[in-house]
Amino acid sequence: MGQLSLPDRFVLSLWCLGFAVGTSTHLMDIFSRGIFAYTYAPFWMNAFWTSLTLLDPLVVALLLLVRRAGIVLGGMVMVADLAINTYAGTLPAMAPGSYQFVLQWIFGLFVFATAGRLWPAPRS
């Protein structure tokens, strides 16, 4: 893997922090309310949100060990998470416009906007 500049290391750190926050959020929900903590949502949403407890830290590990794989998986996780959470916001039991939803969109846009700068250059 190529060396990262100081600004790019900062960007990579923000990626890792964002996915670590996601991990801790889902873990807290599971510890406080059980494995399928989101009783107001359909089972498939519950299963997806619970799977983020494994996917989010996997993104962090891959970002640190195999950056390209981490960038690809991180992008895929964000696309799925934003799509599902946007749909969830249309459900009567969900509170649209919550600050967590807004922060997640900001983080998602940050991930999409910075993925290219983190992509390692090909080896010579």
N, C-alpha and C. Protein backbone atom coordinates (compact mmCIF):
# COMPACT_ATOMS: atom_id res chain seq x y z
N MET A 1 0.85 -1.18 0.00
CA MET A 1 0.00 0.00 0.00
C MET A 1 0.89 1.24 0.00
N GLY A 2 0.45 2.22 -0.76
CA GLY A 2 1.20 3.46 -0.82
C GLY A 2 1.07 4.25 0.47
N GLN A 3 2.04 5.12 0.68
CA GLN A 3 2.01 5.99 1.85
C GLN A 3 0.93 7.06 1.68
N LEU A 4 0.31 7.40 2.76
CA LEU A 4 -0.70 8.45 2.74
C LEU A 4 -0.11 9.75 3.27
N SER A 5 -0.52 10.84 2.67
CA SER A 5 -0.14 12.15 3.17
C SER A 5 -0.86 12.39 4.50
N LEU A 6 -0.42 13.39 5.23
CA LEU A 6 -1.06 13.72 6.51
C LEU A 6 -2.55 14.02 6.33
N PRO A 7 -2.96 14.84 5.34
CA PRO A 7 -4.41 15.06 5.16
C PRO A 7 -5.17 13.78 4.83
N ASP A 8 -4.55 12.90 4.03
CA ASP A 8 -5.23 11.65 3.70
C ASP A 8 -5.31 10.71 4.90
N ARG A 9 -4.30 10.73 5.76
CA ARG A 9 -4.37 9.95 6.99
C ARG A 9 -5.50 10.46 7.88
N PHE A 10 -5.71 11.77 7.89
CA PHE A 10 -6.81 12.34 8.64
C PHE A 10 -8.15 11.87 8.08
N VAL A 11 -8.28 11.88 6.75
CA VAL A 11 -9.51 11.40 6.10
C VAL A 11 -9.74 9.94 6.45
N LEU A 12 -8.69 9.12 6.34
CA LEU A 12 -8.81 7.70 6.68
C LEU A 12 -9.22 7.52 8.14
N SER A 13 -8.69 8.34 9.02
CA SER A 13 -9.05 8.29 10.43
C SER A 13 -10.53 8.61 10.63
N LEU A 14 -11.05 9.57 9.88
CA LEU A 14 -12.47 9.92 9.99
C LEU A 14 -13.35 8.78 9.48
N TRP A 15 -12.91 8.11 8.41
CA TRP A 15 -13.64 6.92 7.95
C TRP A 15 -13.71 5.90 9.08
N CYS A 16 -12.54 5.58 9.65
CA CYS A 16 -12.48 4.57 10.71
C CYS A 16 -13.33 4.98 11.90
N LEU A 17 -13.26 6.24 12.29
CA LEU A 17 -14.06 6.73 13.41
C LEU A 17 -15.55 6.60 13.11
N GLY A 18 -15.97 6.98 11.91
CA GLY A 18 -17.39 6.89 11.56
C GLY A 18 -17.92 5.47 11.61
N PHE A 19 -17.16 4.52 11.06
CA PHE A 19 -17.61 3.13 11.09
C PHE A 19 -17.51 2.55 12.51
N ALA A 20 -16.56 3.02 13.32
CA ALA A 20 -16.48 2.58 14.71
C ALA A 20 -17.67 3.10 15.52
N VAL A 21 -18.10 4.32 15.25
CA VAL A 21 -19.29 4.86 15.91
C VAL A 21 -20.51 4.03 15.53
N GLY A 22 -20.61 3.66 14.25
CA GLY A 22 -21.71 2.80 13.82
C GLY A 22 -21.70 1.47 14.56
N THR A 23 -20.53 0.90 14.70
CA THR A 23 -20.40 -0.37 15.43
C THR A 23 -20.89 -0.20 16.86
N SER A 24 -20.42 0.82 17.55
CA SER A 24 -20.79 1.00 18.95
C SER A 24 -22.28 1.29 19.11
N THR A 25 -22.85 2.03 18.17
CA THR A 25 -24.29 2.33 18.23
C THR A 25 -25.11 1.05 18.15
N HIS A 26 -24.77 0.19 17.18
CA HIS A 26 -25.54 -1.05 17.03
C HIS A 26 -25.28 -2.01 18.20
N LEU A 27 -24.05 -2.04 18.71
CA LEU A 27 -23.77 -2.88 19.88
C LEU A 27 -24.58 -2.42 21.10
N MET A 28 -24.64 -1.12 21.33
CA MET A 28 -25.42 -0.61 22.46
C MET A 28 -26.90 -0.98 22.32
N ASP A 29 -27.42 -0.88 21.09
CA ASP A 29 -28.82 -1.26 20.86
C ASP A 29 -29.04 -2.74 21.15
N ILE A 30 -28.11 -3.58 20.69
CA ILE A 30 -28.24 -5.02 20.91
C ILE A 30 -28.14 -5.35 22.40
N PHE A 31 -27.17 -4.74 23.10
CA PHE A 31 -27.01 -5.02 24.53
C PHE A 31 -28.21 -4.54 25.34
N SER A 32 -28.83 -3.45 24.92
CA SER A 32 -29.95 -2.91 25.70
C SER A 32 -31.30 -3.51 25.32
N ARG A 33 -31.45 -3.94 24.05
CA ARG A 33 -32.78 -4.40 23.61
C ARG A 33 -32.79 -5.76 22.94
N GLY A 34 -31.65 -6.41 22.79
CA GLY A 34 -31.62 -7.74 22.19
C GLY A 34 -31.12 -7.72 20.75
N ILE A 35 -30.92 -8.92 20.21
CA ILE A 35 -30.27 -9.08 18.91
C ILE A 35 -31.06 -8.40 17.77
N PHE A 36 -32.36 -8.43 17.84
CA PHE A 36 -33.18 -7.71 16.86
C PHE A 36 -33.87 -6.57 17.61
N ALA A 37 -33.10 -5.54 17.86
CA ALA A 37 -33.49 -4.47 18.78
C ALA A 37 -34.55 -3.53 18.23
N TYR A 38 -34.76 -3.55 16.95
CA TYR A 38 -35.60 -2.52 16.31
C TYR A 38 -36.99 -3.11 16.04
N THR A 39 -37.77 -3.27 17.10
CA THR A 39 -39.05 -3.96 17.02
C THR A 39 -40.07 -3.24 16.14
N TYR A 40 -39.87 -1.96 15.89
CA TYR A 40 -40.78 -1.18 15.07
C TYR A 40 -40.55 -1.40 13.58
N ALA A 41 -39.47 -2.09 13.23
CA ALA A 41 -39.11 -2.25 11.82
C ALA A 41 -39.31 -3.70 11.39
N PRO A 42 -39.48 -3.92 10.07
CA PRO A 42 -39.60 -5.29 9.56
C PRO A 42 -38.33 -6.10 9.87
N PHE A 43 -38.48 -7.43 9.86
CA PHE A 43 -37.37 -8.31 10.19
C PHE A 43 -36.15 -8.07 9.31
N TRP A 44 -36.34 -7.88 8.02
CA TRP A 44 -35.19 -7.72 7.12
C TRP A 44 -34.37 -6.48 7.48
N MET A 45 -35.04 -5.42 7.95
CA MET A 45 -34.30 -4.24 8.42
C MET A 45 -33.53 -4.56 9.70
N ASN A 46 -34.20 -5.25 10.61
CA ASN A 46 -33.54 -5.67 11.84
C ASN A 46 -32.29 -6.49 11.53
N ALA A 47 -32.43 -7.43 10.63
CA ALA A 47 -31.29 -8.29 10.27
C ALA A 47 -30.16 -7.45 9.67
N PHE A 48 -30.49 -6.50 8.81
CA PHE A 48 -29.45 -5.65 8.22
C PHE A 48 -28.76 -4.82 9.30
N TRP A 49 -29.54 -4.14 10.13
CA TRP A 49 -28.95 -3.28 11.15
C TRP A 49 -28.10 -4.09 12.13
N THR A 50 -28.55 -5.31 12.47
CA THR A 50 -27.75 -6.17 13.34
C THR A 50 -26.46 -6.59 12.63
N SER A 51 -26.53 -6.84 11.32
CA SER A 51 -25.33 -7.25 10.58
C SER A 51 -24.27 -6.14 10.56
N LEU A 52 -24.68 -4.90 10.74
CA LEU A 52 -23.70 -3.81 10.77
C LEU A 52 -22.76 -3.92 11.96
N THR A 53 -23.17 -4.67 12.98
CA THR A 53 -22.30 -4.91 14.13
C THR A 53 -21.05 -5.66 13.70
N LEU A 54 -21.15 -6.44 12.64
CA LEU A 54 -19.99 -7.15 12.08
C LEU A 54 -19.39 -6.43 10.88
N LEU A 55 -20.25 -5.86 10.05
CA LEU A 55 -19.75 -5.21 8.82
C LEU A 55 -18.96 -3.94 9.11
N ASP A 56 -19.44 -3.11 10.02
CA ASP A 56 -18.74 -1.84 10.30
C ASP A 56 -17.30 -2.07 10.80
N PRO A 57 -17.07 -2.97 11.78
CA PRO A 57 -15.68 -3.18 12.19
C PRO A 57 -14.86 -3.88 11.11
N LEU A 58 -15.51 -4.67 10.26
CA LEU A 58 -14.79 -5.28 9.14
C LEU A 58 -14.29 -4.20 8.19
N VAL A 59 -15.11 -3.18 7.95
CA VAL A 59 -14.67 -2.06 7.11
C VAL A 59 -13.43 -1.41 7.72
N VAL A 60 -13.45 -1.17 9.02
CA VAL A 60 -12.30 -0.53 9.68
C VAL A 60 -11.06 -1.41 9.52
N ALA A 61 -11.19 -2.69 9.79
CA ALA A 61 -10.03 -3.59 9.67
C ALA A 61 -9.49 -3.60 8.25
N LEU A 62 -10.38 -3.67 7.28
CA LEU A 62 -9.94 -3.68 5.88
C LEU A 62 -9.30 -2.36 5.49
N LEU A 63 -9.84 -1.26 5.96
CA LEU A 63 -9.24 0.04 5.66
C LEU A 63 -7.79 0.10 6.13
N LEU A 64 -7.51 -0.53 7.26
CA LEU A 64 -6.17 -0.49 7.83
C LEU A 64 -5.24 -1.55 7.22
N LEU A 65 -5.83 -2.66 6.75
CA LEU A 65 -5.01 -3.77 6.26
C LEU A 65 -4.98 -3.92 4.75
N VAL A 66 -6.13 -3.74 4.12
CA VAL A 66 -6.27 -3.88 2.66
C VAL A 66 -7.16 -2.73 2.20
N ARG A 67 -6.56 -1.56 2.07
CA ARG A 67 -7.33 -0.32 1.92
C ARG A 67 -8.37 -0.39 0.80
N ARG A 68 -8.00 -0.89 -0.37
CA ARG A 68 -8.98 -0.93 -1.48
C ARG A 68 -10.23 -1.72 -1.10
N ALA A 69 -10.04 -2.87 -0.48
CA ALA A 69 -11.19 -3.68 -0.05
C ALA A 69 -12.03 -2.92 0.97
N GLY A 70 -11.37 -2.20 1.88
CA GLY A 70 -12.10 -1.41 2.88
C GLY A 70 -12.90 -0.28 2.25
N ILE A 71 -12.31 0.35 1.24
CA ILE A 71 -13.02 1.43 0.55
C ILE A 71 -14.25 0.89 -0.18
N VAL A 72 -14.07 -0.25 -0.86
CA VAL A 72 -15.20 -0.84 -1.59
C VAL A 72 -16.30 -1.27 -0.63
N LEU A 73 -15.92 -2.02 0.42
CA LEU A 73 -16.93 -2.48 1.38
C LEU A 73 -17.56 -1.29 2.10
N GLY A 74 -16.77 -0.31 2.48
CA GLY A 74 -17.31 0.88 3.15
C GLY A 74 -18.33 1.60 2.28
N GLY A 75 -18.02 1.74 1.00
CA GLY A 75 -18.97 2.37 0.08
C GLY A 75 -20.24 1.57 -0.05
N MET A 76 -20.10 0.25 -0.15
CA MET A 76 -21.28 -0.61 -0.26
C MET A 76 -22.15 -0.54 0.99
N VAL A 77 -21.51 -0.55 2.15
CA VAL A 77 -22.25 -0.46 3.41
C VAL A 77 -23.00 0.86 3.48
N MET A 78 -22.33 1.94 3.09
CA MET A 78 -22.99 3.25 3.16
C MET A 78 -24.16 3.35 2.18
N VAL A 79 -24.01 2.83 0.97
CA VAL A 79 -25.12 2.86 0.01
C VAL A 79 -26.31 2.11 0.58
N ALA A 80 -26.07 0.89 1.08
CA ALA A 80 -27.17 0.08 1.63
C ALA A 80 -27.77 0.74 2.86
N ASP A 81 -26.92 1.23 3.76
CA ASP A 81 -27.41 1.82 5.01
C ASP A 81 -28.23 3.08 4.74
N LEU A 82 -27.74 3.93 3.87
CA LEU A 82 -28.48 5.16 3.56
C LEU A 82 -29.80 4.85 2.86
N ALA A 83 -29.78 3.88 1.95
CA ALA A 83 -31.02 3.51 1.25
C ALA A 83 -32.04 2.94 2.23
N ILE A 84 -31.60 2.02 3.07
CA ILE A 84 -32.53 1.39 4.02
C ILE A 84 -33.02 2.40 5.05
N ASN A 85 -32.13 3.24 5.56
CA ASN A 85 -32.56 4.22 6.56
C ASN A 85 -33.44 5.31 5.96
N THR A 86 -33.21 5.65 4.71
CA THR A 86 -34.09 6.61 4.04
C THR A 86 -35.48 6.01 3.88
N TYR A 87 -35.54 4.72 3.47
CA TYR A 87 -36.83 4.04 3.38
C TYR A 87 -37.47 3.93 4.77
N ALA A 88 -36.67 3.60 5.78
CA ALA A 88 -37.20 3.46 7.14
C ALA A 88 -37.83 4.76 7.62
N GLY A 89 -37.28 5.88 7.15
CA GLY A 89 -37.84 7.17 7.54
C GLY A 89 -39.25 7.39 7.03
N THR A 90 -39.69 6.57 6.08
CA THR A 90 -41.06 6.69 5.57
C THR A 90 -42.05 5.85 6.39
N LEU A 91 -41.52 5.00 7.28
CA LEU A 91 -42.40 4.15 8.08
C LEU A 91 -43.03 4.98 9.20
N PRO A 92 -44.29 4.70 9.52
CA PRO A 92 -44.97 5.49 10.55
C PRO A 92 -44.27 5.48 11.90
N ALA A 93 -43.60 4.40 12.26
CA ALA A 93 -42.96 4.31 13.58
C ALA A 93 -41.62 5.04 13.66
N MET A 94 -41.11 5.47 12.52
CA MET A 94 -39.80 6.13 12.50
C MET A 94 -39.99 7.64 12.58
N ALA A 95 -39.01 8.30 13.20
CA ALA A 95 -39.04 9.76 13.30
C ALA A 95 -38.17 10.35 12.19
N PRO A 96 -38.78 10.84 11.10
CA PRO A 96 -37.97 11.40 10.03
C PRO A 96 -37.25 12.66 10.48
N GLY A 97 -36.07 12.88 9.93
CA GLY A 97 -35.34 14.10 10.23
C GLY A 97 -34.58 14.07 11.54
N SER A 98 -34.38 12.88 12.12
CA SER A 98 -33.63 12.83 13.37
C SER A 98 -32.18 13.25 13.11
N TYR A 99 -31.53 13.76 14.13
CA TYR A 99 -30.16 14.22 13.95
C TYR A 99 -29.22 13.07 13.57
N GLN A 100 -29.49 11.84 14.04
CA GLN A 100 -28.65 10.70 13.66
C GLN A 100 -28.74 10.44 12.16
N PHE A 101 -29.94 10.56 11.62
CA PHE A 101 -30.14 10.36 10.19
C PHE A 101 -29.39 11.42 9.39
N VAL A 102 -29.46 12.65 9.83
CA VAL A 102 -28.75 13.74 9.16
C VAL A 102 -27.24 13.51 9.24
N LEU A 103 -26.74 13.16 10.42
CA LEU A 103 -25.31 12.89 10.57
C LEU A 103 -24.86 11.72 9.70
N GLN A 104 -25.71 10.72 9.59
CA GLN A 104 -25.36 9.57 8.75
C GLN A 104 -25.25 9.99 7.29
N TRP A 105 -26.15 10.83 6.82
CA TRP A 105 -26.07 11.32 5.45
C TRP A 105 -24.80 12.15 5.24
N ILE A 106 -24.47 12.97 6.21
CA ILE A 106 -23.24 13.77 6.11
C ILE A 106 -22.03 12.84 6.02
N PHE A 107 -21.99 11.82 6.88
CA PHE A 107 -20.88 10.88 6.83
C PHE A 107 -20.86 10.12 5.50
N GLY A 108 -22.01 9.69 5.05
CA GLY A 108 -22.09 8.98 3.77
C GLY A 108 -21.57 9.83 2.62
N LEU A 109 -21.97 11.08 2.57
CA LEU A 109 -21.49 11.97 1.51
C LEU A 109 -19.99 12.19 1.63
N PHE A 110 -19.49 12.26 2.85
CA PHE A 110 -18.04 12.38 3.08
C PHE A 110 -17.32 11.14 2.54
N VAL A 111 -17.85 9.96 2.83
CA VAL A 111 -17.26 8.70 2.35
C VAL A 111 -17.21 8.71 0.82
N PHE A 112 -18.32 9.06 0.19
CA PHE A 112 -18.36 9.05 -1.27
C PHE A 112 -17.43 10.10 -1.87
N ALA A 113 -17.35 11.26 -1.23
CA ALA A 113 -16.53 12.35 -1.76
C ALA A 113 -15.03 12.10 -1.59
N THR A 114 -14.66 11.29 -0.61
CA THR A 114 -13.23 11.11 -0.32
C THR A 114 -12.68 9.75 -0.72
N ALA A 115 -13.52 8.87 -1.20
CA ALA A 115 -13.05 7.52 -1.55
C ALA A 115 -11.92 7.56 -2.57
N GLY A 116 -12.04 8.41 -3.56
CA GLY A 116 -11.03 8.48 -4.61
C GLY A 116 -9.66 8.90 -4.10
N ARG A 117 -9.63 9.80 -3.16
CA ARG A 117 -8.34 10.28 -2.66
C ARG A 117 -7.66 9.22 -1.79
N LEU A 118 -8.42 8.29 -1.23
CA LEU A 118 -7.83 7.22 -0.41
C LEU A 118 -7.41 6.01 -1.24
N TRP A 119 -7.90 5.92 -2.46
CA TRP A 119 -7.63 4.75 -3.30
C TRP A 119 -6.12 4.69 -3.60
N PRO A 120 -5.48 3.59 -3.24
CA PRO A 120 -4.02 3.52 -3.46
C PRO A 120 -3.65 3.51 -4.94
N ALA A 121 -2.56 4.15 -5.25
CA ALA A 121 -2.05 4.14 -6.61
C ALA A 121 -1.57 2.72 -6.94
N PRO A 122 -1.66 2.33 -8.20
CA PRO A 122 -1.17 0.99 -8.57
C PRO A 122 0.34 0.90 -8.34
N ARG A 123 0.77 -0.30 -8.01
CA ARG A 123 2.20 -0.53 -7.81
C ARG A 123 2.92 -0.52 -9.15
N SER A 124 4.13 -0.02 -9.14
CA SER A 124 4.92 0.02 -10.37
C SER A 124 5.67 -1.26 -10.58
